């Protein structure tokens, strides 16, 4: 049994398209070539990796990230923590050649899921919090009301009509 590779248009045995029991669209030689080429391209130019990642994920250039970071004073746009105070956990898996991994950026890009526009730079916990509340102001207000109520503080926020309509 055989299959045609989408990259090289060659007919190869079906086992050349299997990886961990999953059938892929390109053959093993094409995948190996792409991996080696990508590794060579990225190793020689770490700035290119950053440029590629910022563009492919957020459609911004490094200059735009740096300008926004400068405008925010290197602080999270929500909680105000300075990036030097943000702890960095893992930096990814160790490199095969033994060279150290690049220092990760401590402020991550936050963008609107609907419009894809960049809203600001956030620390990891604030970014995760927005994602956990599905970028919903109503849910965030409800969470604030919950916390204020649970702590015995006077309820200062009015119930949101939009949230009431969801119930």
C-alpha atoms as a PDB file:
ATOM      1  CA  UNK A   1       0.000   0.000   0.000  1.00  0.00           C
ATOM      2  CA  UNK A   2       1.325   3.484  -0.876  1.00  0.00           C
ATOM      3  CA  UNK A   3       0.477   7.153  -0.740  1.00  0.00           C
ATOM      4  CA  UNK A   4       1.535  10.379  -2.509  1.00  0.00           C
ATOM      5  CA  UNK A   5       3.389  12.971  -0.425  1.00  0.00           C
ATOM      6  CA  UNK A   6       1.915  16.493  -0.532  1.00  0.00           C
ATOM      7  CA  UNK A   7       5.400  18.057  -0.404  1.00  0.00           C
ATOM      8  CA  UNK A   8       7.440  16.087  -2.910  1.00  0.00           C
ATOM      9  CA  UNK A   9       4.638  14.458  -4.975  1.00  0.00           C
ATOM     10  CA  UNK A  10       6.448  11.104  -4.762  1.00  0.00           C
ATOM     11  CA  UNK A  11       4.649   7.846  -4.106  1.00  0.00           C
ATOM     12  CA  UNK A  12       6.033   6.219  -0.990  1.00  0.00           C
ATOM     13  CA  UNK A  13       5.071   3.263   1.229  1.00  0.00           C
ATOM     14  CA  UNK A  14       2.309   3.981   3.732  1.00  0.00           C
ATOM     15  CA  UNK A  15       4.615   3.370   6.705  1.00  0.00           C
ATOM     16  CA  UNK A  16       6.594   6.457   5.614  1.00  0.00           C
ATOM     17  CA  UNK A  17       3.521   8.539   6.507  1.00  0.00           C
ATOM     18  CA  UNK A  18       2.967   7.088   9.973  1.00  0.00           C
ATOM     19  CA  UNK A  19       4.226   8.699  13.157  1.00  0.00           C
ATOM     20  CA  UNK A  20       3.206   7.320  16.547  1.00  0.00           C
ATOM     21  CA  UNK A  21       0.321   5.477  14.919  1.00  0.00           C
ATOM     22  CA  UNK A  22      -1.033   8.621  13.265  1.00  0.00           C
ATOM     23  CA  UNK A  23      -1.168   9.055   9.503  1.00  0.00           C
ATOM     24  CA  UNK A  24       0.442  12.263   8.227  1.00  0.00           C
ATOM     25  CA  UNK A  25       0.242  14.106   4.905  1.00  0.00           C
ATOM     26  CA  UNK A  26       3.974  14.284   4.195  1.00  0.00           C
ATOM     27  CA  UNK A  27       6.509  11.469   4.002  1.00  0.00           C
ATOM     28  CA  UNK A  28       9.317  10.852   6.502  1.00  0.00           C
ATOM     29  CA  UNK A  29      12.138  12.166   4.240  1.00  0.00           C
ATOM     30  CA  UNK A  30      10.253  15.444   3.636  1.00  0.00           C
ATOM     31  CA  UNK A  31       9.517  15.853   7.346  1.00  0.00           C
ATOM     32  CA  UNK A  32      13.165  15.208   8.222  1.00  0.00           C
ATOM     33  CA  UNK A  33      14.356  17.706   5.611  1.00  0.00           C
ATOM     34  CA  UNK A  34      11.914  20.374   6.855  1.00  0.00           C
ATOM     35  CA  UNK A  35      12.933  19.818  10.471  1.00  0.00           C
ATOM     36  CA  UNK A  36      16.654  20.078   9.699  1.00  0.00           C
ATOM     37  CA  UNK A  37      16.138  23.154   7.526  1.00  0.00           C
ATOM     38  CA  UNK A  38      14.007  24.848  10.184  1.00  0.00           C
ATOM     39  CA  UNK A  39      16.572  24.031  12.887  1.00  0.00           C
ATOM     40  CA  UNK A  40      19.415  25.466  10.778  1.00  0.00           C
ATOM     41  CA  UNK A  41      17.389  28.601   9.975  1.00  0.00           C
ATOM     42  CA  UNK A  42      16.432  29.257  13.588  1.00  0.00           C
ATOM     43  CA  UNK A  43      19.805  28.485  15.181  1.00  0.00           C
ATOM     44  CA  UNK A  44      21.643  31.050  13.103  1.00  0.00           C
ATOM     45  CA  UNK A  45      19.330  33.951  13.896  1.00  0.00           C
ATOM     46  CA  UNK A  46      17.499  34.110  17.248  1.00  0.00           C
ATOM     47  CA  UNK A  47      16.081  37.555  16.391  1.00  0.00           C
ATOM     48  CA  UNK A  48      14.363  36.004  13.384  1.00  0.00           C
ATOM     49  CA  UNK A  49      12.678  33.467  15.657  1.00  0.00           C
ATOM     50  CA  UNK A  50      11.221  36.264  17.800  1.00  0.00           C
ATOM     51  CA  UNK A  51      10.128  38.187  14.703  1.00  0.00           C
ATOM     52  CA  UNK A  52       8.495  35.099  13.198  1.00  0.00           C
ATOM     53  CA  UNK A  53       6.691  34.203  16.430  1.00  0.00           C
ATOM     54  CA  UNK A  54       5.338  37.702  17.084  1.00  0.00           C
ATOM     55  CA  UNK A  55       4.128  38.009  13.506  1.00  0.00           C
ATOM     56  CA  UNK A  56       2.590  34.546  13.157  1.00  0.00           C
ATOM     57  CA  UNK A  57       0.801  34.662  16.527  1.00  0.00           C
ATOM     58  CA  UNK A  58      -0.181  38.325  16.915  1.00  0.00           C
ATOM     59  CA  UNK A  59       0.540  40.100  13.615  1.00  0.00           C
ATOM     60  CA  UNK A  60       2.874  42.596  15.301  1.00  0.00           C
ATOM     61  CA  UNK A  61       6.526  43.392  14.748  1.00  0.00           C
ATOM     62  CA  UNK A  62       9.170  43.352  17.514  1.00  0.00           C
ATOM     63  CA  UNK A  63       9.315  47.159  17.358  1.00  0.00           C
ATOM     64  CA  UNK A  64       5.592  47.317  18.166  1.00  0.00           C
ATOM     65  CA  UNK A  65       6.034  44.944  21.128  1.00  0.00           C
ATOM     66  CA  UNK A  66       8.988  46.954  22.421  1.00  0.00           C
ATOM     67  CA  UNK A  67       7.119  50.274  22.015  1.00  0.00           C
ATOM     68  CA  UNK A  68       4.102  48.929  23.913  1.00  0.00           C
ATOM     69  CA  UNK A  69       6.366  47.517  26.615  1.00  0.00           C
ATOM     70  CA  UNK A  70       8.077  50.901  26.972  1.00  0.00           C
ATOM     71  CA  UNK A  71       4.706  52.712  27.070  1.00  0.00           C
ATOM     72  CA  UNK A  72       3.546  50.399  29.885  1.00  0.00           C
ATOM     73  CA  UNK A  73       6.763  50.945  31.832  1.00  0.00           C
ATOM     74  CA  UNK A  74       7.584  47.212  31.576  1.00  0.00           C
ATOM     75  CA  UNK A  75       4.561  46.522  33.789  1.00  0.00           C
ATOM     76  CA  UNK A  76       1.471  44.339  33.415  1.00  0.00           C
ATOM     77  CA  UNK A  77      -1.419  46.411  32.036  1.00  0.00           C
ATOM     78  CA  UNK A  78      -3.796  44.947  34.667  1.00  0.00           C
ATOM     79  CA  UNK A  79      -2.000  44.376  37.979  1.00  0.00           C
ATOM     80  CA  UNK A  80       0.995  46.647  37.399  1.00  0.00           C
ATOM     81  CA  UNK A  81       3.657  44.145  38.436  1.00  0.00           C
ATOM     82  CA  UNK A  82       7.061  44.955  36.931  1.00  0.00           C
ATOM     83  CA  UNK A  83       8.427  42.302  34.586  1.00  0.00           C
ATOM     84  CA  UNK A  84      11.562  41.916  36.730  1.00  0.00           C
ATOM     85  CA  UNK A  85       9.310  40.691  39.569  1.00  0.00           C
ATOM     86  CA  UNK A  86       7.642  38.013  37.445  1.00  0.00           C
ATOM     87  CA  UNK A  87       9.034  34.554  38.085  1.00  0.00           C
ATOM     88  CA  UNK A  88       9.796  32.436  35.052  1.00  0.00           C
ATOM     89  CA  UNK A  89       9.196  28.721  35.377  1.00  0.00           C
ATOM     90  CA  UNK A  90      10.308  26.498  32.569  1.00  0.00           C
ATOM     91  CA  UNK A  91      12.182  27.725  29.551  1.00  0.00           C
ATOM     92  CA  UNK A  92      11.278  24.756  27.383  1.00  0.00           C
ATOM     93  CA  UNK A  93      13.114  21.533  26.825  1.00  0.00           C
ATOM     94  CA  UNK A  94      16.938  21.505  26.822  1.00  0.00           C
ATOM     95  CA  UNK A  95      18.617  21.964  23.454  1.00  0.00           C
ATOM     96  CA  UNK A  96      20.444  19.010  21.964  1.00  0.00           C
ATOM     97  CA  UNK A  97      23.602  21.026  21.318  1.00  0.00           C
ATOM     98  CA  UNK A  98      23.786  22.180  24.954  1.00  0.00           C
ATOM     99  CA  UNK A  99      23.420  25.901  24.261  1.00  0.00           C
ATOM    100  CA  UNK A 100      21.137  27.706  26.729  1.00  0.00           C
ATOM    101  CA  UNK A 101      17.589  28.566  25.778  1.00  0.00           C
ATOM    102  CA  UNK A 102      16.736  32.192  25.118  1.00  0.00           C
ATOM    103  CA  UNK A 103      15.406  34.192  28.053  1.00  0.00           C
ATOM    104  CA  UNK A 104      11.604  34.152  27.757  1.00  0.00           C
ATOM    105  CA  UNK A 105       9.605  37.344  27.683  1.00  0.00           C
ATOM    106  CA  UNK A 106       7.876  37.912  30.963  1.00  0.00           C
ATOM    107  CA  UNK A 107       5.041  40.049  29.594  1.00  0.00           C
ATOM    108  CA  UNK A 108       2.803  38.233  27.126  1.00  0.00           C
ATOM    109  CA  UNK A 109       0.753  39.757  24.338  1.00  0.00           C
ATOM    110  CA  UNK A 110      -2.971  39.983  25.061  1.00  0.00           C
ATOM    111  CA  UNK A 111      -5.333  40.363  22.137  1.00  0.00           C
ATOM    112  CA  UNK A 112      -9.068  40.325  21.608  1.00  0.00           C
ATOM    113  CA  UNK A 113     -10.210  36.937  20.340  1.00  0.00           C
ATOM    114  CA  UNK A 114     -12.889  38.514  18.146  1.00  0.00           C
ATOM    115  CA  UNK A 115     -11.107  41.463  16.521  1.00  0.00           C
ATOM    116  CA  UNK A 116      -7.553  40.015  16.848  1.00  0.00           C
ATOM    117  CA  UNK A 117      -6.355  43.488  17.934  1.00  0.00           C
ATOM    118  CA  UNK A 118      -3.585  43.657  20.535  1.00  0.00           C
ATOM    119  CA  UNK A 119      -4.906  45.128  23.781  1.00  0.00           C
ATOM    120  CA  UNK A 120      -1.733  45.194  25.845  1.00  0.00           C
ATOM    121  CA  UNK A 121       0.996  43.212  27.562  1.00  0.00           C
ATOM    122  CA  UNK A 122       0.107  41.186  30.637  1.00  0.00           C
ATOM    123  CA  UNK A 123       1.767  38.958  33.199  1.00  0.00           C
ATOM    124  CA  UNK A 124       0.916  35.261  32.909  1.00  0.00           C
ATOM    125  CA  UNK A 125      -1.609  35.110  35.767  1.00  0.00           C
ATOM    126  CA  UNK A 126      -3.581  38.126  34.490  1.00  0.00           C
ATOM    127  CA  UNK A 127      -3.579  36.715  30.955  1.00  0.00           C
ATOM    128  CA  UNK A 128      -4.770  33.336  32.247  1.00  0.00           C
ATOM    129  CA  UNK A 129      -7.453  35.059  34.332  1.00  0.00           C
ATOM    130  CA  UNK A 130      -8.894  36.858  31.323  1.00  0.00           C
ATOM    131  CA  UNK A 131      -8.881  33.619  29.383  1.00  0.00           C
ATOM    132  CA  UNK A 132     -10.544  31.783  32.263  1.00  0.00           C
ATOM    133  CA  UNK A 133     -13.368  34.320  32.247  1.00  0.00           C
ATOM    134  CA  UNK A 134     -13.606  34.071  28.439  1.00  0.00           C
ATOM    135  CA  UNK A 135     -12.871  37.820  28.087  1.00  0.00           C
ATOM    136  CA  UNK A 136     -16.340  38.528  29.480  1.00  0.00           C
ATOM    137  CA  UNK A 137     -16.694  41.781  31.464  1.00  0.00           C
ATOM    138  CA  UNK A 138     -19.945  40.423  32.905  1.00  0.00           C
ATOM    139  CA  UNK A 139     -18.245  37.331  34.299  1.00  0.00           C
ATOM    140  CA  UNK A 140     -15.387  39.398  35.705  1.00  0.00           C
ATOM    141  CA  UNK A 141     -17.853  41.741  37.426  1.00  0.00           C
ATOM    142  CA  UNK A 142     -19.730  38.741  38.802  1.00  0.00           C
ATOM    143  CA  UNK A 143     -16.453  37.352  40.153  1.00  0.00           C
ATOM    144  CA  UNK A 144     -15.670  40.702  41.790  1.00  0.00           C
ATOM    145  CA  UNK A 145     -19.138  40.787  43.395  1.00  0.00           C
ATOM    146  CA  UNK A 146     -18.605  37.225  44.623  1.00  0.00           C
ATOM    147  CA  UNK A 147     -15.248  38.057  46.195  1.00  0.00           C
ATOM    148  CA  UNK A 148     -16.550  41.231  47.814  1.00  0.00           C
ATOM    149  CA  UNK A 149     -19.545  39.386  49.220  1.00  0.00           C
ATOM    150  CA  UNK A 150     -17.475  36.456  50.511  1.00  0.00           C
ATOM    151  CA  UNK A 151     -15.026  38.719  52.314  1.00  0.00           C
ATOM    152  CA  UNK A 152     -17.848  40.422  54.199  1.00  0.00           C
ATOM    153  CA  UNK A 153     -17.197  43.721  52.440  1.00  0.00           C
ATOM    154  CA  UNK A 154     -20.183  45.830  51.458  1.00  0.00           C
ATOM    155  CA  UNK A 155     -21.485  44.950  48.009  1.00  0.00           C
ATOM    156  CA  UNK A 156     -20.367  47.904  45.907  1.00  0.00           C
ATOM    157  CA  UNK A 157     -21.085  46.709  42.373  1.00  0.00           C
ATOM    158  CA  UNK A 158     -24.501  46.665  40.793  1.00  0.00           C
ATOM    159  CA  UNK A 159     -25.661  43.422  39.155  1.00  0.00           C
ATOM    160  CA  UNK A 160     -25.116  43.466  35.436  1.00  0.00           C
ATOM    161  CA  UNK A 161     -28.314  43.282  33.330  1.00  0.00           C
ATOM    162  CA  UNK A 162     -26.418  41.292  30.709  1.00  0.00           C
ATOM    163  CA  UNK A 163     -25.392  38.691  33.295  1.00  0.00           C
ATOM    164  CA  UNK A 164     -28.903  38.572  34.755  1.00  0.00           C
ATOM    165  CA  UNK A 165     -30.280  37.906  31.255  1.00  0.00           C
ATOM    166  CA  UNK A 166     -27.956  34.872  30.902  1.00  0.00           C
ATOM    167  CA  UNK A 167     -29.389  33.186  33.994  1.00  0.00           C
END
